[in-house]
Amino acid sequence: MILTKDRMSVITLVNELRRLVNENLVKSILVDFVKETPGFTHIISLGGNAKQVYTDDTTIYLILTDGRLINGGIDDYGIYHNIEGATWVITGAIFPPRGNESGGSMDLTIHSKSGKVRNMLENAVYEAVKGSDVMVNIAY
């Protein structure tokens, strides 16, 4: 499944992340950063045919931004979108529990040139999991 949302405020982002964590029983979140705000983003398909992404209900691929998503689709490498007027873009995936695991995991990459914006989005992730038993790992 693919989830794309544009023109998001930080409050909307917190609520959306909270919803995704709760609905998908996420127990761990890994966050890393890229010091650029892309005008084009590409989520590379993880092991397989990118066209299977549309029929795979177990993994949720994310593109979230405060900009505008235009001209999206898939190609041989994965999901892509052109992005207009963004100060931040978050790409990632939510993976379901495997085997005996009690919960799934979420991998997020925050794309932004601004250190202040990256800190604000990092705080948004912590706010989204506040009060729950979710481990957040930030890669600096």
N, C-alpha and C. Protein backbone atom coordinates (compact mmCIF):
# COMPACT_ATOMS: atom_id res chain seq x y z
N MET A 1 0.84 -1.17 0.00
CA MET A 1 0.00 0.00 0.00
C MET A 1 0.89 1.24 0.00
N ILE A 2 0.43 2.27 -0.63
CA ILE A 2 1.18 3.52 -0.71
C ILE A 2 0.34 4.63 -0.09
N LEU A 3 0.95 5.37 0.85
CA LEU A 3 0.28 6.49 1.49
C LEU A 3 1.04 7.75 1.13
N THR A 4 0.40 8.65 0.42
CA THR A 4 1.01 9.94 0.09
C THR A 4 0.09 11.03 0.60
N LYS A 5 0.69 12.00 1.28
CA LYS A 5 -0.08 13.15 1.76
C LYS A 5 0.78 14.38 1.57
N ASP A 6 0.16 15.43 1.04
CA ASP A 6 0.89 16.67 0.84
C ASP A 6 0.19 17.81 1.56
N ARG A 7 0.86 18.96 1.56
CA ARG A 7 0.36 20.17 2.20
C ARG A 7 0.01 19.93 3.67
N MET A 8 0.85 19.17 4.35
CA MET A 8 0.61 18.82 5.75
C MET A 8 1.23 19.86 6.69
N SER A 9 0.51 20.18 7.75
CA SER A 9 1.09 20.96 8.83
C SER A 9 1.76 19.97 9.79
N VAL A 10 2.55 20.47 10.71
CA VAL A 10 3.22 19.59 11.66
C VAL A 10 2.20 18.93 12.58
N ILE A 11 1.15 19.64 12.95
CA ILE A 11 0.09 19.05 13.79
C ILE A 11 -0.59 17.90 13.06
N THR A 12 -0.88 18.09 11.79
CA THR A 12 -1.46 17.02 10.98
C THR A 12 -0.50 15.84 10.88
N LEU A 13 0.80 16.12 10.73
CA LEU A 13 1.81 15.07 10.67
C LEU A 13 1.83 14.25 11.96
N VAL A 14 1.81 14.92 13.11
CA VAL A 14 1.79 14.22 14.40
C VAL A 14 0.58 13.30 14.48
N ASN A 15 -0.59 13.82 14.13
CA ASN A 15 -1.82 13.00 14.18
C ASN A 15 -1.76 11.82 13.22
N GLU A 16 -1.21 12.04 12.03
CA GLU A 16 -1.11 10.96 11.04
C GLU A 16 -0.12 9.88 11.51
N LEU A 17 1.03 10.31 12.04
CA LEU A 17 1.99 9.33 12.56
C LEU A 17 1.41 8.55 13.73
N ARG A 18 0.70 9.23 14.62
CA ARG A 18 0.05 8.56 15.76
C ARG A 18 -0.94 7.50 15.26
N ARG A 19 -1.74 7.87 14.27
CA ARG A 19 -2.71 6.94 13.71
C ARG A 19 -2.02 5.72 13.10
N LEU A 20 -0.96 5.96 12.33
CA LEU A 20 -0.24 4.86 11.68
C LEU A 20 0.41 3.94 12.72
N VAL A 21 0.99 4.51 13.75
CA VAL A 21 1.62 3.71 14.81
C VAL A 21 0.58 2.83 15.49
N ASN A 22 -0.56 3.41 15.83
CA ASN A 22 -1.60 2.64 16.54
C ASN A 22 -2.25 1.58 15.65
N GLU A 23 -2.58 1.93 14.43
CA GLU A 23 -3.27 0.99 13.55
C GLU A 23 -2.38 -0.17 13.10
N ASN A 24 -1.08 0.06 13.04
CA ASN A 24 -0.16 -0.96 12.53
C ASN A 24 0.66 -1.62 13.63
N LEU A 25 0.30 -1.37 14.89
CA LEU A 25 0.98 -1.97 16.04
C LEU A 25 2.49 -1.78 15.97
N VAL A 26 2.93 -0.58 15.61
CA VAL A 26 4.35 -0.28 15.50
C VAL A 26 4.97 -0.25 16.89
N LYS A 27 6.09 -0.95 17.06
CA LYS A 27 6.81 -0.98 18.34
C LYS A 27 8.16 -0.30 18.27
N SER A 28 8.68 -0.04 17.05
CA SER A 28 9.95 0.66 16.93
C SER A 28 9.95 1.54 15.69
N ILE A 29 10.60 2.70 15.85
CA ILE A 29 10.71 3.66 14.75
C ILE A 29 12.17 4.03 14.61
N LEU A 30 12.69 3.91 13.39
CA LEU A 30 14.05 4.34 13.07
C LEU A 30 13.93 5.58 12.20
N VAL A 31 14.62 6.65 12.62
CA VAL A 31 14.56 7.91 11.88
C VAL A 31 15.97 8.29 11.46
N ASP A 32 16.15 8.59 10.18
CA ASP A 32 17.42 9.16 9.74
C ASP A 32 17.14 10.41 8.93
N PHE A 33 18.21 11.11 8.58
CA PHE A 33 18.07 12.43 7.98
C PHE A 33 18.88 12.54 6.69
N VAL A 34 18.37 13.34 5.77
CA VAL A 34 19.09 13.73 4.56
C VAL A 34 19.04 15.25 4.52
N LYS A 35 20.20 15.90 4.38
CA LYS A 35 20.27 17.36 4.42
C LYS A 35 19.98 17.97 3.05
N GLU A 36 18.81 17.69 2.55
CA GLU A 36 18.34 18.30 1.31
C GLU A 36 16.82 18.23 1.30
N THR A 37 16.21 19.16 0.62
CA THR A 37 14.77 19.11 0.42
C THR A 37 14.56 18.80 -1.05
N PRO A 38 14.14 17.59 -1.36
CA PRO A 38 14.06 17.21 -2.77
C PRO A 38 12.88 17.84 -3.51
N GLY A 39 13.10 18.07 -4.79
CA GLY A 39 12.02 18.44 -5.67
C GLY A 39 11.49 17.19 -6.36
N PHE A 40 12.19 16.08 -6.11
CA PHE A 40 11.82 14.79 -6.67
C PHE A 40 12.22 13.75 -5.63
N THR A 41 11.35 12.80 -5.34
CA THR A 41 11.72 11.74 -4.39
C THR A 41 11.40 10.39 -4.98
N HIS A 42 12.18 9.42 -4.58
CA HIS A 42 12.07 8.08 -5.10
C HIS A 42 12.20 7.12 -3.94
N ILE A 43 11.20 6.30 -3.67
CA ILE A 43 11.33 5.25 -2.67
C ILE A 43 11.71 4.00 -3.42
N ILE A 44 12.89 3.50 -3.15
CA ILE A 44 13.37 2.32 -3.87
C ILE A 44 12.65 1.09 -3.36
N SER A 45 12.19 0.27 -4.27
CA SER A 45 11.52 -0.98 -3.92
C SER A 45 12.50 -1.87 -3.18
N LEU A 46 12.06 -2.43 -2.06
CA LEU A 46 12.92 -3.25 -1.24
C LEU A 46 12.80 -4.70 -1.68
N GLY A 47 13.69 -5.14 -2.55
CA GLY A 47 13.75 -6.53 -2.96
C GLY A 47 12.59 -7.00 -3.79
N GLY A 48 12.53 -6.61 -5.01
CA GLY A 48 11.49 -7.15 -5.86
C GLY A 48 10.98 -6.16 -6.87
N ASN A 49 9.95 -6.57 -7.51
CA ASN A 49 9.33 -5.79 -8.56
C ASN A 49 8.55 -4.63 -7.94
N ALA A 50 8.84 -3.42 -8.37
CA ALA A 50 8.17 -2.24 -7.81
C ALA A 50 6.66 -2.29 -8.04
N LYS A 51 6.22 -2.96 -9.08
CA LYS A 51 4.78 -3.04 -9.35
C LYS A 51 4.05 -3.85 -8.29
N GLN A 52 4.76 -4.71 -7.56
CA GLN A 52 4.14 -5.49 -6.49
C GLN A 52 3.76 -4.61 -5.30
N VAL A 53 4.36 -3.42 -5.21
CA VAL A 53 4.07 -2.52 -4.11
C VAL A 53 2.58 -2.22 -4.04
N TYR A 54 1.94 -2.09 -5.19
CA TYR A 54 0.52 -1.76 -5.21
C TYR A 54 -0.36 -2.91 -4.74
N THR A 55 0.13 -4.13 -4.79
CA THR A 55 -0.68 -5.27 -4.36
C THR A 55 -0.23 -5.83 -3.02
N ASP A 56 0.86 -5.28 -2.45
CA ASP A 56 1.38 -5.75 -1.17
C ASP A 56 0.67 -5.00 -0.05
N ASP A 57 -0.24 -5.68 0.64
CA ASP A 57 -0.99 -5.06 1.73
C ASP A 57 -0.23 -5.09 3.05
N THR A 58 0.91 -5.78 3.11
CA THR A 58 1.60 -5.93 4.38
C THR A 58 2.54 -4.78 4.68
N THR A 59 3.08 -4.13 3.67
CA THR A 59 4.00 -3.03 3.88
C THR A 59 3.34 -1.75 3.38
N ILE A 60 3.48 -0.68 4.17
CA ILE A 60 2.94 0.62 3.78
C ILE A 60 4.11 1.54 3.47
N TYR A 61 4.14 2.07 2.26
CA TYR A 61 5.18 3.00 1.86
C TYR A 61 4.64 4.42 2.00
N LEU A 62 5.47 5.34 2.52
CA LEU A 62 5.02 6.68 2.86
C LEU A 62 5.77 7.76 2.10
N ILE A 63 5.06 8.75 1.64
CA ILE A 63 5.64 10.02 1.22
C ILE A 63 4.75 11.10 1.83
N LEU A 64 5.31 11.85 2.80
CA LEU A 64 4.57 12.90 3.50
C LEU A 64 5.35 14.20 3.33
N THR A 65 4.66 15.32 3.08
CA THR A 65 5.37 16.58 2.85
C THR A 65 4.46 17.77 3.14
N ASP A 66 5.11 18.92 3.36
CA ASP A 66 4.36 20.17 3.47
C ASP A 66 4.23 20.83 2.10
N GLY A 67 4.89 20.27 1.10
CA GLY A 67 4.81 20.78 -0.28
C GLY A 67 3.65 20.13 -1.02
N ARG A 68 3.71 20.22 -2.34
CA ARG A 68 2.67 19.65 -3.19
C ARG A 68 3.24 18.50 -4.02
N LEU A 69 2.59 17.35 -3.96
CA LEU A 69 3.00 16.18 -4.74
C LEU A 69 2.36 16.26 -6.12
N ILE A 70 3.20 16.13 -7.16
CA ILE A 70 2.69 16.16 -8.53
C ILE A 70 3.36 15.05 -9.33
N ASN A 71 2.69 14.57 -10.35
CA ASN A 71 3.26 13.61 -11.30
C ASN A 71 3.89 12.39 -10.63
N GLY A 72 3.12 11.69 -9.82
CA GLY A 72 3.65 10.50 -9.16
C GLY A 72 3.38 9.24 -9.96
N GLY A 73 4.06 8.17 -9.59
CA GLY A 73 3.85 6.89 -10.24
C GLY A 73 4.87 5.87 -9.79
N ILE A 74 5.02 4.83 -10.59
CA ILE A 74 6.03 3.81 -10.31
C ILE A 74 6.83 3.55 -11.57
N ASP A 75 8.05 3.11 -11.37
CA ASP A 75 8.88 2.66 -12.48
C ASP A 75 9.60 1.39 -12.03
N ASP A 76 10.60 0.98 -12.76
CA ASP A 76 11.30 -0.26 -12.42
C ASP A 76 12.04 -0.19 -11.10
N TYR A 77 12.25 1.01 -10.57
CA TYR A 77 13.03 1.17 -9.35
C TYR A 77 12.17 1.41 -8.11
N GLY A 78 10.96 1.83 -8.26
CA GLY A 78 10.11 2.07 -7.09
C GLY A 78 9.08 3.15 -7.33
N ILE A 79 8.64 3.73 -6.24
CA ILE A 79 7.61 4.77 -6.25
C ILE A 79 8.30 6.12 -6.36
N TYR A 80 7.74 7.02 -7.15
CA TYR A 80 8.35 8.34 -7.25
C TYR A 80 7.28 9.42 -7.26
N HIS A 81 7.70 10.62 -6.90
CA HIS A 81 6.86 11.80 -6.96
C HIS A 81 7.72 13.01 -7.21
N ASN A 82 7.24 13.93 -8.02
CA ASN A 82 7.82 15.26 -8.10
C ASN A 82 7.16 16.07 -7.00
N ILE A 83 7.94 16.95 -6.37
CA ILE A 83 7.45 17.71 -5.22
C ILE A 83 7.72 19.18 -5.48
N GLU A 84 6.71 19.99 -5.21
CA GLU A 84 6.81 21.42 -5.47
C GLU A 84 6.63 22.20 -4.17
N GLY A 85 7.53 23.13 -3.89
CA GLY A 85 7.38 24.07 -2.78
C GLY A 85 7.49 23.45 -1.39
N ALA A 86 8.32 22.45 -1.20
CA ALA A 86 8.42 21.78 0.09
C ALA A 86 9.57 22.34 0.93
N THR A 87 9.36 22.43 2.25
CA THR A 87 10.46 22.69 3.17
C THR A 87 10.90 21.39 3.83
N TRP A 88 10.03 20.38 3.81
CA TRP A 88 10.40 19.05 4.31
C TRP A 88 9.62 17.97 3.57
N VAL A 89 10.26 16.81 3.51
CA VAL A 89 9.64 15.61 2.93
C VAL A 89 10.03 14.45 3.83
N ILE A 90 9.08 13.59 4.15
CA ILE A 90 9.38 12.37 4.89
C ILE A 90 9.03 11.19 4.00
N THR A 91 10.01 10.31 3.80
CA THR A 91 9.77 9.08 3.06
C THR A 91 10.00 7.93 4.02
N GLY A 92 9.39 6.80 3.75
CA GLY A 92 9.62 5.66 4.62
C GLY A 92 8.69 4.51 4.34
N ALA A 93 8.68 3.59 5.30
CA ALA A 93 7.85 2.39 5.17
C ALA A 93 7.49 1.88 6.56
N ILE A 94 6.35 1.21 6.62
CA ILE A 94 5.92 0.52 7.83
C ILE A 94 5.90 -0.96 7.52
N PHE A 95 6.63 -1.73 8.32
CA PHE A 95 6.73 -3.16 8.11
C PHE A 95 5.93 -3.89 9.18
N PRO A 96 5.16 -4.91 8.80
CA PRO A 96 4.34 -5.65 9.76
C PRO A 96 5.20 -6.50 10.68
N PRO A 97 4.62 -6.99 11.78
CA PRO A 97 5.37 -7.90 12.65
C PRO A 97 5.80 -9.15 11.88
N ARG A 98 6.99 -9.63 12.17
CA ARG A 98 7.53 -10.84 11.52
C ARG A 98 7.63 -11.94 12.57
N GLY A 99 7.22 -13.12 12.21
CA GLY A 99 7.38 -14.28 13.10
C GLY A 99 6.74 -14.08 14.46
N ASN A 100 7.55 -14.15 15.51
CA ASN A 100 7.05 -14.06 16.89
C ASN A 100 7.00 -12.62 17.41
N GLU A 101 7.33 -11.64 16.60
CA GLU A 101 7.36 -10.25 17.05
C GLU A 101 5.96 -9.79 17.43
N SER A 102 5.90 -8.95 18.47
CA SER A 102 4.60 -8.46 18.93
C SER A 102 4.16 -7.21 18.18
N GLY A 103 5.09 -6.54 17.50
CA GLY A 103 4.73 -5.34 16.78
C GLY A 103 5.61 -5.11 15.57
N GLY A 104 5.18 -4.21 14.73
CA GLY A 104 5.91 -3.91 13.51
C GLY A 104 6.92 -2.80 13.73
N SER A 105 7.52 -2.36 12.63
CA SER A 105 8.50 -1.28 12.70
C SER A 105 8.23 -0.25 11.61
N MET A 106 8.72 0.95 11.85
CA MET A 106 8.55 2.05 10.91
C MET A 106 9.93 2.65 10.65
N ASP A 107 10.29 2.79 9.40
CA ASP A 107 11.55 3.44 9.02
C ASP A 107 11.20 4.75 8.32
N LEU A 108 11.73 5.85 8.82
CA LEU A 108 11.45 7.16 8.25
C LEU A 108 12.75 7.86 7.88
N THR A 109 12.74 8.57 6.77
CA THR A 109 13.85 9.45 6.39
C THR A 109 13.29 10.85 6.26
N ILE A 110 13.85 11.77 7.04
CA ILE A 110 13.43 13.16 7.00
C ILE A 110 14.38 13.91 6.08
N HIS A 111 13.82 14.52 5.04
CA HIS A 111 14.60 15.30 4.07
C HIS A 111 14.32 16.78 4.32
N SER A 112 15.34 17.54 4.70
CA SER A 112 15.19 18.98 4.86
C SER A 112 16.56 19.64 4.92
N LYS A 113 16.69 20.80 4.29
CA LYS A 113 17.95 21.54 4.35
C LYS A 113 18.13 22.22 5.70
N SER A 114 17.04 22.54 6.36
CA SER A 114 17.06 23.32 7.59
C SER A 114 17.21 22.43 8.83
N GLY A 115 18.20 22.74 9.66
CA GLY A 115 18.37 22.02 10.91
C GLY A 115 17.21 22.24 11.86
N LYS A 116 16.64 23.45 11.87
CA LYS A 116 15.49 23.75 12.73
C LYS A 116 14.28 22.91 12.33
N VAL A 117 14.08 22.77 11.03
CA VAL A 117 12.96 21.96 10.54
C VAL A 117 13.17 20.50 10.90
N ARG A 118 14.40 19.99 10.74
CA ARG A 118 14.67 18.60 11.11
C ARG A 118 14.40 18.36 12.59
N ASN A 119 14.82 19.31 13.45
CA ASN A 119 14.55 19.18 14.89
C ASN A 119 13.06 19.20 15.18
N MET A 120 12.32 20.07 14.48
CA MET A 120 10.88 20.16 14.67
C MET A 120 10.21 18.83 14.28
N LEU A 121 10.65 18.23 13.18
CA LEU A 121 10.05 16.97 12.73
C LEU A 121 10.46 15.81 13.65
N GLU A 122 11.68 15.84 14.18
CA GLU A 122 12.10 14.84 15.16
C GLU A 122 11.20 14.92 16.39
N ASN A 123 10.93 16.14 16.85
CA ASN A 123 10.02 16.32 17.99
C ASN A 123 8.61 15.85 17.66
N ALA A 124 8.20 16.03 16.41
CA ALA A 124 6.87 15.56 16.00
C ALA A 124 6.77 14.03 16.11
N VAL A 125 7.85 13.33 15.76
CA VAL A 125 7.86 11.87 15.89
C VAL A 125 7.72 11.47 17.35
N TYR A 126 8.49 12.12 18.23
CA TYR A 126 8.39 11.83 19.67
C TYR A 126 6.99 12.13 20.21
N GLU A 127 6.41 13.24 19.75
CA GLU A 127 5.06 13.61 20.19
C GLU A 127 4.03 12.57 19.73
N ALA A 128 4.22 12.02 18.54
CA ALA A 128 3.27 11.04 17.99
C ALA A 128 3.25 9.75 18.81
N VAL A 129 4.35 9.41 19.46
CA VAL A 129 4.41 8.15 20.21
C VAL A 129 4.33 8.37 21.72
N LYS A 130 4.11 9.61 22.12
CA LYS A 130 4.02 9.96 23.53
C LYS A 130 2.94 9.12 24.21
N GLY A 131 3.30 8.52 25.34
CA GLY A 131 2.33 7.73 26.09
C GLY A 131 2.19 6.29 25.61
N SER A 132 2.92 5.91 24.58
CA SER A 132 2.86 4.53 24.10
C SER A 132 4.20 3.85 24.32
N ASP A 133 4.21 2.56 24.13
CA ASP A 133 5.43 1.77 24.35
C ASP A 133 6.16 1.55 23.03
N VAL A 134 6.58 2.65 22.40
CA VAL A 134 7.26 2.59 21.11
C VAL A 134 8.69 3.11 21.29
N MET A 135 9.65 2.34 20.82
CA MET A 135 11.05 2.75 20.88
C MET A 135 11.39 3.55 19.63
N VAL A 136 11.98 4.74 19.84
CA VAL A 136 12.38 5.60 18.73
C VAL A 136 13.90 5.66 18.70
N ASN A 137 14.49 5.32 17.55
CA ASN A 137 15.93 5.42 17.35
C ASN A 137 16.21 6.48 16.31
N ILE A 138 16.98 7.50 16.70
CA ILE A 138 17.33 8.58 15.81
C ILE A 138 18.77 8.39 15.36
N ALA A 139 19.01 8.32 14.07
CA ALA A 139 20.36 8.19 13.52
C ALA A 139 20.85 9.57 13.10
N TYR A 140 21.91 10.04 13.72
CA TYR A 140 22.43 11.38 13.39
C TYR A 140 23.59 11.28 12.46
